[in-house]
N, C-alpha and C. Protein backbone atom coordinates (compact mmCIF):
# COMPACT_ATOMS: atom_id res chain seq x y z
N UNK A 1 0.64 -1.52 0.00
CA UNK A 1 -0.06 0.22 -0.13
C UNK A 1 0.63 1.31 -0.06
N UNK A 2 1.97 0.99 0.80
CA UNK A 2 3.08 2.13 0.89
C UNK A 2 3.50 2.79 -0.68
N UNK A 3 3.71 1.56 -1.29
CA UNK A 3 4.43 1.82 -2.50
C UNK A 3 3.32 1.77 -4.12
N UNK A 4 2.24 1.67 -3.92
CA UNK A 4 0.93 1.64 -4.42
C UNK A 4 1.29 2.64 -5.67
N UNK A 5 1.59 4.08 -5.46
CA UNK A 5 1.80 5.24 -6.21
C UNK A 5 2.86 4.85 -6.98
N UNK A 6 3.89 4.49 -6.63
CA UNK A 6 5.37 4.09 -7.58
C UNK A 6 5.26 3.43 -8.78
N UNK A 7 5.36 3.27 -9.85
CA UNK A 7 4.84 2.78 -11.27
C UNK A 7 5.79 2.13 -11.59
N UNK A 8 7.03 2.15 -11.38
CA UNK A 8 8.18 1.23 -11.30
C UNK A 8 7.49 -0.35 -10.45
N UNK A 9 6.90 0.12 -9.90
CA UNK A 9 6.51 -1.47 -9.00
C UNK A 9 5.60 -2.02 -9.86
N UNK A 10 4.67 -1.32 -10.17
CA UNK A 10 3.95 -2.36 -11.62
C UNK A 10 4.49 -3.02 -12.69
N UNK A 11 5.71 -2.37 -13.02
CA UNK A 11 6.12 -2.19 -14.21
C UNK A 11 7.17 -3.77 -13.90
N UNK A 12 7.59 -3.55 -12.42
CA UNK A 12 8.46 -4.86 -11.63
C UNK A 12 7.32 -6.05 -11.56
N UNK A 13 6.55 -5.83 -11.14
CA UNK A 13 5.33 -7.03 -11.20
C UNK A 13 5.30 -7.25 -12.81
N UNK A 14 4.74 -6.55 -13.30
CA UNK A 14 4.60 -7.02 -14.43
C UNK A 14 5.68 -7.82 -15.52
N UNK A 15 7.38 -7.45 -15.14
CA UNK A 15 8.25 -8.18 -15.42
C UNK A 15 8.47 -10.00 -14.98
N UNK A 16 8.16 -9.85 -13.73
CA UNK A 16 8.19 -10.95 -12.95
C UNK A 16 7.17 -11.56 -13.37
N UNK A 17 5.55 -11.13 -13.74
CA UNK A 17 4.96 -12.17 -14.17
C UNK A 17 5.00 -12.74 -15.54
N UNK A 18 5.60 -11.94 -16.52
CA UNK A 18 6.25 -12.69 -17.71
C UNK A 18 7.01 -13.25 -17.72
N UNK A 19 7.94 -13.26 -17.06
CA UNK A 19 8.97 -14.30 -16.33
C UNK A 19 8.61 -15.51 -16.19
N UNK A 20 7.68 -15.29 -15.27
CA UNK A 20 6.94 -16.70 -14.87
C UNK A 20 6.40 -17.29 -15.57
N UNK A 21 5.42 -16.51 -16.60
CA UNK A 21 5.09 -16.98 -17.40
C UNK A 21 5.63 -17.83 -18.66
N UNK A 22 7.04 -17.21 -19.43
CA UNK A 22 7.48 -17.28 -20.17
C UNK A 22 8.43 -19.06 -19.46
N UNK A 23 8.28 -19.19 -18.12
CA UNK A 23 9.05 -20.49 -18.05
C UNK A 23 7.93 -21.47 -17.72
N UNK A 24 6.47 -20.82 -17.87
CA UNK A 24 6.14 -21.92 -17.03
C UNK A 24 5.39 -22.52 -18.76
N UNK A 25 5.45 -21.66 -19.82
CA UNK A 25 4.79 -21.62 -21.01
C UNK A 25 6.25 -22.87 -21.36
N UNK A 26 7.56 -22.47 -21.19
CA UNK A 26 8.29 -23.48 -21.11
C UNK A 26 8.24 -24.77 -21.18
N UNK A 27 7.88 -24.81 -20.16
CA UNK A 27 8.00 -26.33 -19.24
C UNK A 27 6.96 -27.13 -19.87
N UNK A 28 5.84 -26.53 -20.21
CA UNK A 28 5.14 -27.00 -21.45
C UNK A 28 5.46 -27.90 -22.36
N UNK A 29 6.66 -27.05 -23.23
CA UNK A 29 6.97 -27.83 -24.29
C UNK A 29 8.03 -28.67 -23.78
N UNK A 30 9.37 -28.01 -23.39
CA UNK A 30 10.17 -28.80 -22.87
C UNK A 30 10.15 -29.11 -21.02
N UNK A 31 8.75 -29.97 -20.69
CA UNK A 31 9.11 -30.29 -19.24
C UNK A 31 10.04 -30.44 -18.71
N UNK A 32 10.22 -29.56 -17.76
CA UNK A 32 11.37 -29.37 -16.52
C UNK A 32 12.97 -30.03 -16.81
N UNK A 33 12.92 -29.05 -18.15
CA UNK A 33 14.27 -28.97 -18.71
C UNK A 33 15.06 -27.93 -18.38
N UNK A 34 15.97 -27.61 -17.66
CA UNK A 34 16.46 -26.22 -17.90
C UNK A 34 16.00 -25.53 -16.26
N UNK A 35 15.74 -23.91 -16.70
CA UNK A 35 15.17 -23.47 -15.74
C UNK A 35 13.67 -23.55 -15.47
N UNK A 36 12.98 -23.96 -14.28
CA UNK A 36 11.62 -24.59 -13.73
C UNK A 36 11.22 -24.37 -12.68
N UNK A 37 10.03 -23.61 -12.53
CA UNK A 37 9.30 -23.34 -11.35
C UNK A 37 8.99 -24.65 -10.65
N UNK A 38 8.92 -25.78 -10.77
CA UNK A 38 8.66 -26.79 -9.67
C UNK A 38 9.53 -27.63 -9.06
N UNK A 39 8.96 -27.84 -7.90
CA UNK A 39 10.44 -28.51 -6.89
C UNK A 39 10.97 -29.65 -7.79
N UNK A 40 12.43 -29.37 -7.34
CA UNK A 40 13.18 -30.62 -7.86
C UNK A 40 13.06 -31.79 -7.70
N UNK A 41 13.38 -32.75 -8.59
CA UNK A 41 13.08 -34.07 -8.37
C UNK A 41 13.86 -34.63 -7.26
N UNK A 42 15.38 -33.74 -7.19
CA UNK A 42 15.88 -34.67 -5.81
C UNK A 42 15.20 -34.26 -4.20
N UNK A 43 14.57 -33.05 -4.60
CA UNK A 43 13.97 -32.46 -3.56
C UNK A 43 12.86 -33.22 -2.70
N UNK A 44 12.30 -33.53 -3.66
CA UNK A 44 11.16 -34.44 -3.34
C UNK A 44 11.35 -35.86 -2.34
N UNK A 45 12.47 -36.78 -2.62
CA UNK A 45 12.21 -38.03 -1.77
C UNK A 45 12.95 -37.34 -0.62
N UNK A 46 13.36 -36.36 -0.36
CA UNK A 46 13.92 -35.58 1.12
C UNK A 46 12.42 -35.28 1.80
N UNK A 47 11.46 -34.57 0.99
CA UNK A 47 10.59 -33.99 1.80
C UNK A 47 9.19 -35.22 1.79
N UNK A 48 9.33 -36.30 1.16
CA UNK A 48 8.64 -37.55 1.45
C UNK A 48 8.51 -38.55 2.14
N UNK A 49 10.37 -38.38 2.55
CA UNK A 49 10.85 -39.28 4.07
C UNK A 49 10.28 -38.46 5.18
N UNK A 50 9.88 -36.77 4.97
CA UNK A 50 9.79 -36.59 6.18
C UNK A 50 8.40 -36.38 6.45
N UNK A 51 7.79 -36.76 5.88
CA UNK A 51 6.38 -37.06 5.97
C UNK A 51 6.06 -38.31 6.79
N UNK A 52 6.90 -39.34 6.06
CA UNK A 52 7.00 -40.91 6.63
C UNK A 52 7.09 -40.43 7.72
N UNK A 53 8.12 -40.12 8.03
CA UNK A 53 8.75 -39.72 9.41
C UNK A 53 7.52 -39.44 10.52
N UNK A 54 6.95 -38.41 9.94
CA UNK A 54 6.09 -37.92 10.84
C UNK A 54 4.88 -38.30 11.09
N UNK A 55 4.29 -38.80 10.06
CA UNK A 55 3.27 -40.36 10.52
C UNK A 55 3.80 -41.31 11.43
N UNK A 56 4.83 -41.53 11.77
CA UNK A 56 5.28 -42.79 12.68
C UNK A 56 5.61 -41.79 13.95
N UNK A 57 5.14 -40.70 14.19
CA UNK A 57 6.12 -40.12 15.55
C UNK A 57 4.80 -40.40 16.44
N UNK A 58 5.23 -40.71 17.70
CA UNK A 58 4.13 -41.33 18.71
C UNK A 58 3.63 -40.30 20.00
N UNK A 59 4.89 -38.77 19.77
CA UNK A 59 4.60 -38.11 21.08
C UNK A 59 4.22 -36.68 20.26
N UNK A 60 3.59 -35.74 20.95
CA UNK A 60 2.65 -34.95 20.32
C UNK A 60 3.51 -33.70 20.21
N UNK A 61 4.56 -33.14 21.07
CA UNK A 61 5.64 -32.47 20.94
C UNK A 61 6.36 -32.71 19.44
N UNK A 62 6.81 -33.84 19.60
CA UNK A 62 7.69 -34.26 18.05
C UNK A 62 7.06 -34.05 16.89
N UNK A 63 5.43 -34.48 16.96
CA UNK A 63 4.50 -34.24 15.31
C UNK A 63 4.65 -32.83 15.33
N UNK A 64 4.28 -31.61 16.15
CA UNK A 64 4.21 -30.40 16.03
C UNK A 64 5.32 -29.80 15.31
N UNK A 65 6.57 -30.30 16.04
CA UNK A 65 8.09 -29.92 15.65
C UNK A 65 8.37 -30.59 14.55
N UNK A 66 7.62 -31.67 14.38
CA UNK A 66 8.28 -32.07 12.84
C UNK A 66 7.02 -31.39 11.40
N UNK A 67 5.84 -31.27 11.96
CA UNK A 67 5.06 -30.35 11.25
C UNK A 67 5.60 -29.36 10.72
N UNK A 68 6.08 -28.50 11.92
CA UNK A 68 6.98 -27.06 11.89
C UNK A 68 7.56 -27.07 10.72
N UNK A 69 8.55 -28.23 10.91
CA UNK A 69 10.13 -28.00 9.47
C UNK A 69 9.66 -28.77 8.38
N UNK A 70 8.55 -29.61 8.06
CA UNK A 70 8.36 -30.24 6.94
C UNK A 70 7.44 -28.97 6.68
N UNK A 71 7.09 -28.08 7.03
CA UNK A 71 6.21 -26.99 6.66
C UNK A 71 7.28 -25.86 5.82
N UNK A 72 8.52 -25.52 6.51
CA UNK A 72 9.07 -24.46 6.30
C UNK A 72 9.91 -24.95 5.32
N UNK A 73 10.45 -26.33 5.33
CA UNK A 73 10.86 -26.94 4.09
C UNK A 73 10.07 -27.13 2.57
N UNK A 74 8.94 -27.31 2.87
CA UNK A 74 8.01 -27.52 2.02
C UNK A 74 7.56 -25.91 1.21
N UNK A 75 7.49 -25.20 2.23
CA UNK A 75 7.19 -23.31 1.39
C UNK A 75 8.44 -23.02 1.06
N UNK A 76 9.55 -23.50 1.51
CA UNK A 76 10.71 -22.90 1.02
C UNK A 76 10.75 -22.98 -0.72
N UNK A 77 10.70 -24.34 -0.73
CA UNK A 77 10.74 -24.87 -2.52
C UNK A 77 9.63 -24.45 -2.92
N UNK A 78 8.19 -24.37 -2.19
CA UNK A 78 7.20 -23.75 -3.03
C UNK A 78 7.10 -22.28 -3.42
N UNK A 79 7.79 -21.50 -2.27
CA UNK A 79 7.69 -19.54 -2.63
C UNK A 79 8.32 -19.80 -4.12
N UNK A 80 9.81 -20.37 -4.30
CA UNK A 80 9.78 -19.69 -5.63
C UNK A 80 8.92 -20.65 -6.82
N UNK A 81 8.43 -21.55 -6.53
CA UNK A 81 7.08 -22.14 -7.65
C UNK A 81 5.97 -21.20 -8.07
N UNK A 82 5.50 -20.69 -6.69
CA UNK A 82 3.89 -20.08 -6.73
C UNK A 82 4.06 -18.31 -6.01
N UNK A 83 5.23 -18.21 -5.83
CA UNK A 83 5.41 -16.28 -5.68
C UNK A 83 4.79 -15.36 -6.93
N UNK A 84 4.72 -16.23 -7.87
CA UNK A 84 4.37 -15.39 -9.15
C UNK A 84 2.91 -14.52 -8.99
N UNK A 85 1.96 -15.00 -8.59
CA UNK A 85 0.92 -14.52 -8.75
C UNK A 85 0.36 -13.68 -7.67
N UNK A 86 0.79 -14.62 -6.18
CA UNK A 86 0.25 -13.83 -4.86
C UNK A 86 1.18 -12.73 -5.27
N UNK A 87 2.10 -11.89 -5.61
CA UNK A 87 2.92 -11.08 -5.87
C UNK A 87 1.95 -9.73 -7.11
N UNK A 88 1.59 -10.60 -8.40
CA UNK A 88 0.63 -10.08 -8.69
C UNK A 88 -0.51 -9.81 -8.25
N UNK A 89 -1.43 -10.51 -7.82
CA UNK A 89 -2.16 -10.36 -7.14
C UNK A 89 -2.70 -9.14 -6.18
N UNK A 90 -1.42 -8.78 -5.17
CA UNK A 90 -1.36 -7.76 -4.23
C UNK A 90 -1.03 -6.62 -4.71
N UNK A 91 0.02 -6.88 -6.38
CA UNK A 91 -0.03 -5.16 -6.87
C UNK A 91 -1.51 -4.82 -7.41
N UNK A 92 -1.87 -5.73 -8.40
CA UNK A 92 -3.16 -5.46 -8.77
C UNK A 92 -4.59 -4.77 -7.74
N UNK A 93 -4.16 -5.37 -6.66
CA UNK A 93 -4.98 -4.68 -5.44
C UNK A 93 -4.76 -3.62 -4.97
N UNK A 94 -3.41 -3.21 -5.06
CA UNK A 94 -2.78 -1.31 -4.25
C UNK A 94 -3.35 -0.55 -5.52
N UNK A 95 -3.67 -1.05 -6.79
CA UNK A 95 -3.80 -0.30 -8.03
C UNK A 95 -5.37 0.41 -7.67
N UNK A 96 -6.06 0.04 -6.89
CA UNK A 96 -7.48 -0.08 -6.53
C UNK A 96 -7.32 1.08 -5.77
N UNK A 97 -8.88 1.89 -5.90
CA UNK A 97 -9.06 2.74 -4.66
C UNK A 97 -9.82 2.48 -4.00
N UNK A 98 -9.14 1.41 -2.92
CA UNK A 98 -9.34 1.12 -1.58
C UNK A 98 -9.56 1.75 -0.47
N UNK A 99 -10.23 1.41 0.55
CA UNK A 99 -9.74 1.66 1.66
C UNK A 99 -9.13 0.78 2.70
N UNK A 100 -8.70 0.95 3.73
CA UNK A 100 -7.19 0.36 4.44
C UNK A 100 -8.22 -1.24 4.32
N UNK A 101 -8.92 -1.03 5.14
CA UNK A 101 -10.25 -2.58 5.36
C UNK A 101 -10.50 -3.25 4.63
N UNK A 102 -10.87 -2.38 3.19
CA UNK A 102 -11.40 -3.08 2.26
C UNK A 102 -10.14 -4.14 1.43
N UNK A 103 -8.71 -3.48 1.14
CA UNK A 103 -7.73 -3.92 0.96
C UNK A 103 -7.09 -5.44 1.77
N UNK A 104 -7.34 -5.60 3.25
CA UNK A 104 -6.88 -6.28 4.20
C UNK A 104 -8.26 -7.79 4.15
N UNK A 105 -9.75 -7.22 3.68
CA UNK A 105 -10.55 -7.99 2.80
C UNK A 105 -10.83 -8.53 1.87
N UNK A 106 -9.69 -8.13 1.05
CA UNK A 106 -9.72 -8.77 -0.10
C UNK A 106 -8.05 -9.99 -0.13
N UNK A 107 -7.66 -9.24 0.95
CA UNK A 107 -6.26 -10.40 0.80
C UNK A 107 -6.90 -11.61 1.83
N UNK A 108 -7.95 -11.64 2.73
CA UNK A 108 -8.52 -12.22 3.58
C UNK A 108 -8.78 -13.16 2.63
N UNK A 109 -9.88 -12.43 1.73
CA UNK A 109 -10.58 -13.75 0.72
C UNK A 109 -9.95 -14.33 -0.25
N UNK A 110 -8.07 -13.81 -0.83
CA UNK A 110 -8.06 -14.45 -1.71
C UNK A 110 -6.94 -15.56 -0.71
N UNK A 111 -6.76 -15.35 0.61
CA UNK A 111 -5.67 -16.54 1.33
C UNK A 111 -7.31 -17.53 1.40
N UNK A 112 -8.24 -17.32 1.43
CA UNK A 112 -9.22 -18.49 2.04
C UNK A 112 -9.53 -19.04 0.82
N UNK A 113 -9.73 -18.21 -0.61
CA UNK A 113 -9.95 -19.19 -1.69
C UNK A 113 -8.55 -20.32 -2.05
N UNK A 114 -7.62 -19.47 -1.71
CA UNK A 114 -6.14 -20.25 -2.11
C UNK A 114 -6.00 -21.27 -0.83
N UNK A 115 -6.52 -21.37 0.26
CA UNK A 115 -6.19 -22.24 1.41
C UNK A 115 -7.23 -23.22 0.74
N UNK A 116 -7.93 -23.12 0.75
CA UNK A 116 -9.44 -24.06 0.54
C UNK A 116 -8.82 -25.28 -0.88
N UNK A 117 -8.50 -24.77 -1.65
CA UNK A 117 -8.30 -26.16 -2.61
C UNK A 117 -6.85 -26.81 -2.12
N UNK A 118 -5.95 -26.01 -1.61
CA UNK A 118 -4.77 -26.22 -1.11
C UNK A 118 -5.40 -27.54 0.34
N UNK A 119 -6.09 -27.12 0.94
CA UNK A 119 -6.52 -28.00 1.75
C UNK A 119 -7.10 -29.26 1.39
N UNK A 120 -7.79 -29.17 0.37
CA UNK A 120 -8.41 -30.16 -0.52
C UNK A 120 -7.62 -30.83 -0.59
N UNK A 121 -6.85 -30.20 -1.23
CA UNK A 121 -5.35 -31.25 -1.96
C UNK A 121 -4.51 -31.94 -0.99
N UNK A 122 -4.00 -31.40 0.27
CA UNK A 122 -3.60 -32.09 1.35
C UNK A 122 -4.30 -33.38 1.94
N UNK A 123 -5.80 -33.16 2.22
CA UNK A 123 -6.39 -33.91 2.35
C UNK A 123 -6.46 -35.04 1.79
N UNK A 124 -6.78 -35.05 0.11
CA UNK A 124 -6.83 -36.07 -0.76
C UNK A 124 -5.38 -36.74 -0.69
N UNK A 125 -4.40 -35.94 -0.70
CA UNK A 125 -2.59 -36.75 -0.48
C UNK A 125 -2.65 -37.33 0.36
N UNK A 126 -3.19 -36.84 1.76
CA UNK A 126 -3.14 -37.58 3.53
C UNK A 126 -3.68 -38.90 2.71
N UNK A 127 -5.07 -38.76 2.53
CA UNK A 127 -5.96 -40.16 2.84
C UNK A 127 -5.18 -41.38 1.71
N UNK A 128 -4.70 -40.87 0.55
CA UNK A 128 -4.14 -41.61 -0.24
C UNK A 128 -2.87 -42.39 0.31
N UNK A 129 -2.15 -41.27 0.64
CA UNK A 129 -0.91 -41.66 0.80
C UNK A 129 -0.37 -41.19 -0.36
N UNK A 130 -0.46 -40.25 -1.34
CA UNK A 130 0.06 -39.96 -2.71
C UNK A 130 -0.01 -40.95 -3.73
N UNK A 131 -1.36 -42.13 -3.69
CA UNK A 131 -1.20 -42.93 -4.34
C UNK A 131 -1.64 -42.78 -5.96
N UNK A 132 -2.53 -41.58 -6.16
CA UNK A 132 -2.60 -41.29 -7.54
C UNK A 132 -1.70 -39.98 -7.37
N UNK A 133 -0.93 -40.08 -8.51
CA UNK A 133 0.34 -39.63 -8.95
C UNK A 133 -0.40 -38.17 -10.16
N UNK A 134 0.23 -37.11 -10.31
CA UNK A 134 -0.37 -36.17 -11.45
C UNK A 134 0.42 -36.81 -13.06
N UNK A 135 0.01 -37.25 -13.95
CA UNK A 135 0.88 -37.12 -14.82
C UNK A 135 1.69 -36.15 -15.48
N UNK A 136 2.72 -36.72 -16.33
CA UNK A 136 3.41 -35.59 -16.97
C UNK A 136 2.78 -34.61 -18.08
N UNK A 137 1.52 -35.86 -18.41
CA UNK A 137 0.69 -34.57 -19.70
C UNK A 137 -0.23 -33.64 -19.13
N UNK A 138 -0.51 -34.18 -17.37
CA UNK A 138 -1.72 -33.00 -16.60
C UNK A 138 -0.56 -32.26 -16.01
N UNK A 139 0.76 -32.64 -15.58
CA UNK A 139 1.46 -31.10 -15.46
C UNK A 139 1.84 -30.59 -16.51
N UNK A 140 2.26 -30.61 -17.84
CA UNK A 140 2.36 -30.14 -18.79
C UNK A 140 0.94 -28.69 -18.85
N UNK A 141 -0.17 -29.59 -18.56
CA UNK A 141 -1.07 -28.66 -19.27
C UNK A 141 -1.41 -27.46 -18.22
N UNK A 142 -1.07 -28.04 -16.87
CA UNK A 142 -1.66 -27.10 -15.42
C UNK A 142 -0.10 -25.90 -15.85
N UNK A 143 0.85 -26.12 -16.38
CA UNK A 143 1.85 -25.62 -16.63
C UNK A 143 1.85 -24.01 -17.47
N UNK A 144 0.93 -24.63 -18.75
CA UNK A 144 0.74 -24.13 -19.84
C UNK A 144 -0.28 -22.90 -19.56
N UNK A 145 -1.64 -23.77 -18.81
CA UNK A 145 -2.56 -22.73 -18.06
C UNK A 145 -2.49 -21.51 -17.24
N UNK A 146 -1.15 -21.79 -15.99
CA UNK A 146 -0.99 -20.96 -15.67
C UNK A 146 -0.11 -20.28 -15.88
N UNK A 147 1.03 -20.49 -17.02
CA UNK A 147 1.90 -19.75 -18.28
C UNK A 147 1.06 -18.53 -19.13
N UNK A 148 -0.03 -19.24 -19.75
CA UNK A 148 -0.86 -18.30 -20.15
C UNK A 148 -1.60 -17.20 -19.14
N UNK A 149 -1.88 -17.78 -18.04
CA UNK A 149 -2.67 -16.57 -17.24
C UNK A 149 -1.41 -15.22 -16.83
N UNK A 150 -0.23 -15.74 -16.62
CA UNK A 150 0.61 -14.77 -15.95
C UNK A 150 0.98 -14.07 -17.06
N UNK A 151 0.92 -14.16 -18.20
CA UNK A 151 1.28 -13.90 -19.40
C UNK A 151 0.18 -12.63 -19.55
N UNK A 152 -1.11 -13.06 -19.80
CA UNK A 152 -1.96 -11.91 -19.73
C UNK A 152 -1.95 -10.90 -18.83
N UNK A 153 -1.77 -11.20 -17.21
CA UNK A 153 -1.80 -10.46 -16.55
C UNK A 153 -0.42 -9.48 -16.52
N UNK A 154 0.57 -10.03 -16.62
CA UNK A 154 1.94 -9.56 -16.77
C UNK A 154 2.02 -8.58 -18.19
N UNK A 155 1.33 -8.49 -19.22
CA UNK A 155 0.74 -7.59 -20.34
C UNK A 155 0.21 -6.41 -19.97
N UNK A 156 -0.68 -6.72 -19.33
CA UNK A 156 -1.74 -6.01 -18.86
C UNK A 156 -1.13 -4.79 -18.07
N UNK A 157 -0.52 -5.64 -16.64
CA UNK A 157 0.36 -4.73 -15.80
C UNK A 157 1.02 -3.70 -16.64
N UNK A 158 2.02 -4.20 -17.65
CA UNK A 158 3.17 -3.41 -18.14
C UNK A 158 2.14 -2.03 -18.97
N UNK A 159 1.10 -2.68 -19.69
CA UNK A 159 0.67 -1.81 -20.67
C UNK A 159 -0.21 -0.54 -20.55
N UNK A 160 -1.02 -1.27 -19.76
CA UNK A 160 -2.35 -0.52 -19.31
C UNK A 160 -2.95 -0.88 -17.84
N UNK A 161 -2.16 -0.96 -16.59
CA UNK A 161 -2.69 -1.54 -15.75
C UNK A 161 -4.47 -1.37 -15.26
N UNK A 162 -4.97 -0.19 -15.43
CA UNK A 162 -6.30 0.45 -15.15
C UNK A 162 -7.07 -0.53 -15.75
N UNK A 163 -6.67 -1.09 -17.14
CA UNK A 163 -7.70 -2.18 -17.51
C UNK A 163 -8.29 -3.39 -16.24
N UNK A 164 -7.14 -3.32 -15.23
CA UNK A 164 -7.71 -4.63 -14.02
C UNK A 164 -9.32 -3.91 -13.92
N UNK A 165 -9.23 -2.56 -13.61
CA UNK A 165 -10.77 -1.63 -12.64
C UNK A 165 -11.70 -2.52 -13.23
N UNK A 166 -11.53 -2.82 -14.53
CA UNK A 166 -12.75 -3.44 -15.19
C UNK A 166 -13.14 -4.70 -15.09
N UNK A 167 -14.19 -5.47 -14.76
CA UNK A 167 -14.49 -6.62 -14.49
C UNK A 167 -14.71 -7.63 -15.62
N UNK A 168 -15.27 -6.61 -16.43
CA UNK A 168 -15.52 -7.09 -17.96
C UNK A 168 -14.38 -7.97 -18.83
N UNK A 169 -13.05 -7.00 -18.30
CA UNK A 169 -11.89 -7.18 -18.92
C UNK A 169 -10.91 -8.12 -18.25
N UNK A 170 -11.48 -8.48 -16.94
CA UNK A 170 -10.66 -9.83 -16.42
C UNK A 170 -11.77 -10.79 -16.70
N UNK A 171 -12.98 -11.03 -16.70
CA UNK A 171 -13.28 -12.15 -17.24
C UNK A 171 -13.26 -12.44 -18.44
N UNK A 172 -12.95 -11.52 -19.39
CA UNK A 172 -12.41 -11.64 -20.62
C UNK A 172 -11.30 -11.87 -21.05
N UNK A 173 -10.38 -11.92 -20.31
CA UNK A 173 -8.83 -12.22 -20.26
C UNK A 173 -9.41 -13.60 -20.14
N UNK A 174 -9.69 -13.93 -18.87
CA UNK A 174 -10.19 -15.50 -18.87
C UNK A 174 -10.35 -15.92 -19.58
N UNK A 175 -11.41 -16.04 -20.29
CA UNK A 175 -12.41 -16.66 -21.25
C UNK A 175 -10.95 -16.24 -22.84
N UNK A 176 -10.09 -15.93 -22.84
CA UNK A 176 -9.27 -15.61 -23.71
C UNK A 176 -8.18 -16.33 -23.90
N UNK A 177 -7.61 -16.64 -22.05
CA UNK A 177 -6.63 -17.42 -21.79
C UNK A 177 -7.25 -18.84 -21.82
N UNK A 178 -8.57 -19.26 -21.86
CA UNK A 178 -9.47 -20.79 -21.76
C UNK A 178 -9.39 -20.94 -23.32
N UNK A 179 -9.80 -19.92 -23.83
CA UNK A 179 -9.66 -20.52 -25.68
C UNK A 179 -8.59 -20.84 -26.04
N UNK A 180 -7.59 -20.03 -25.91
CA UNK A 180 -6.00 -20.16 -26.20
C UNK A 180 -5.78 -21.30 -25.64
N UNK A 181 -5.52 -21.62 -24.63
CA UNK A 181 -5.85 -23.05 -23.71
C UNK A 181 -5.64 -24.43 -24.87
N UNK A 182 -7.37 -24.03 -24.73
CA UNK A 182 -7.74 -25.26 -25.78
C UNK A 182 -7.55 -25.30 -27.26
N UNK A 183 -6.90 -24.63 -27.60
CA UNK A 183 -6.56 -24.55 -29.17
C UNK A 183 -5.03 -25.45 -28.89
N UNK A 184 -4.64 -24.66 -28.05
CA UNK A 184 -2.92 -25.42 -28.26
C UNK A 184 -3.30 -26.72 -27.46
N UNK A 185 -4.33 -26.82 -27.08
CA UNK A 185 -3.39 -28.41 -26.20
C UNK A 185 -4.38 -29.50 -27.62
N UNK A 186 -5.43 -28.54 -28.26
CA UNK A 186 -6.23 -29.26 -29.84
C UNK A 186 -5.13 -29.84 -30.53
N UNK A 187 -4.30 -28.64 -31.12
CA UNK A 187 -3.16 -28.64 -32.10
C UNK A 187 -2.16 -29.77 -31.32
N UNK A 188 -1.95 -29.49 -29.53
CA UNK A 188 -0.49 -30.54 -29.62
C UNK A 188 -1.02 -32.01 -29.93
N UNK A 189 -2.25 -32.20 -29.60
CA UNK A 189 -3.00 -34.08 -29.46
C UNK A 189 -2.55 -34.00 -31.46
N UNK A 190 -3.27 -33.10 -31.89
CA UNK A 190 -2.90 -33.50 -33.29
C UNK A 190 -1.49 -33.45 -33.73
N UNK A 191 -0.66 -32.77 -33.45
CA UNK A 191 0.46 -32.33 -34.19
C UNK A 191 1.47 -33.00 -33.45
N UNK A 192 1.64 -33.33 -32.58
CA UNK A 192 2.78 -33.15 -31.28
C UNK A 192 2.09 -34.51 -30.40
N UNK A 193 2.08 -35.46 -30.47
CA UNK A 193 1.33 -36.27 -30.08
C UNK A 193 2.46 -37.16 -29.01
N UNK A 194 3.88 -36.94 -29.44
CA UNK A 194 4.94 -37.45 -28.64
C UNK A 194 4.99 -36.46 -27.43
N UNK A 195 4.85 -35.13 -27.34
CA UNK A 195 4.50 -34.26 -26.07
C UNK A 195 3.49 -35.10 -25.33
N UNK A 196 2.06 -35.57 -25.68
CA UNK A 196 1.43 -35.89 -24.31
C UNK A 196 1.87 -37.30 -23.81
N UNK A 197 2.92 -38.39 -24.68
CA UNK A 197 3.29 -39.29 -24.36
C UNK A 197 4.45 -39.16 -23.57
N UNK A 198 4.99 -38.12 -23.46
CA UNK A 198 6.17 -38.00 -22.35
C UNK A 198 7.17 -38.22 -23.43
C-alpha cells in the first residue's frame, strides 16, 4: 500500500509475471528441462521421507516440531514455484481505490480462496498417501494454463494496468486464456502427440 503509487512497482510486477509465464510455457513444451518453477526431483524424496517419519511419530511435541520443520522446508521450495501470482494479485489490489479495511478483506478473501483448494489437495494426498500421481501430461497442461494466465496479467500490468479495474476485462482475459489454452491443447494432440506421451 505504501508503494501503491510508484509506477515502477507495477512494471516490475509485470516483468516478473512475464518471466514466470515464459518459464511455465517453456515447461509445457520442454517439461522440467532447464529453468523450472517446479519442486526439483532431487528434493522430493527428502520431503516424502519427512512426511513418512512424521506419520510414525508417537509424541505430540515431536509431531508438532516435525510438522513445523516440514512446512518450512516445503514452503521454501514452493515459494519459488508460486510467488508470482500472489505478488501480482497484491500489486493489482494496490492499484485499486480501496480503503485499508477493503484491502485487508480482499487479502483475507484471497487467502481463503487460495487455502481451500490447497487444503482439499492435502486432505486427498493424506488419505491416499500419494497413490494417485499427476501425470506428466497433466503437469504440462497446468504449466501451460498458469503460464498463459501470467502472460496476460503481465502484459496488462506493463501496458495498461487500469484495465484491471474493469471486471469485464478480467473475465474477458480469463475467457481468452481458456480459448487459447484449448486451441493449443487441440493442436498439440493433433500435431505433437509425442509431448502427450512424454
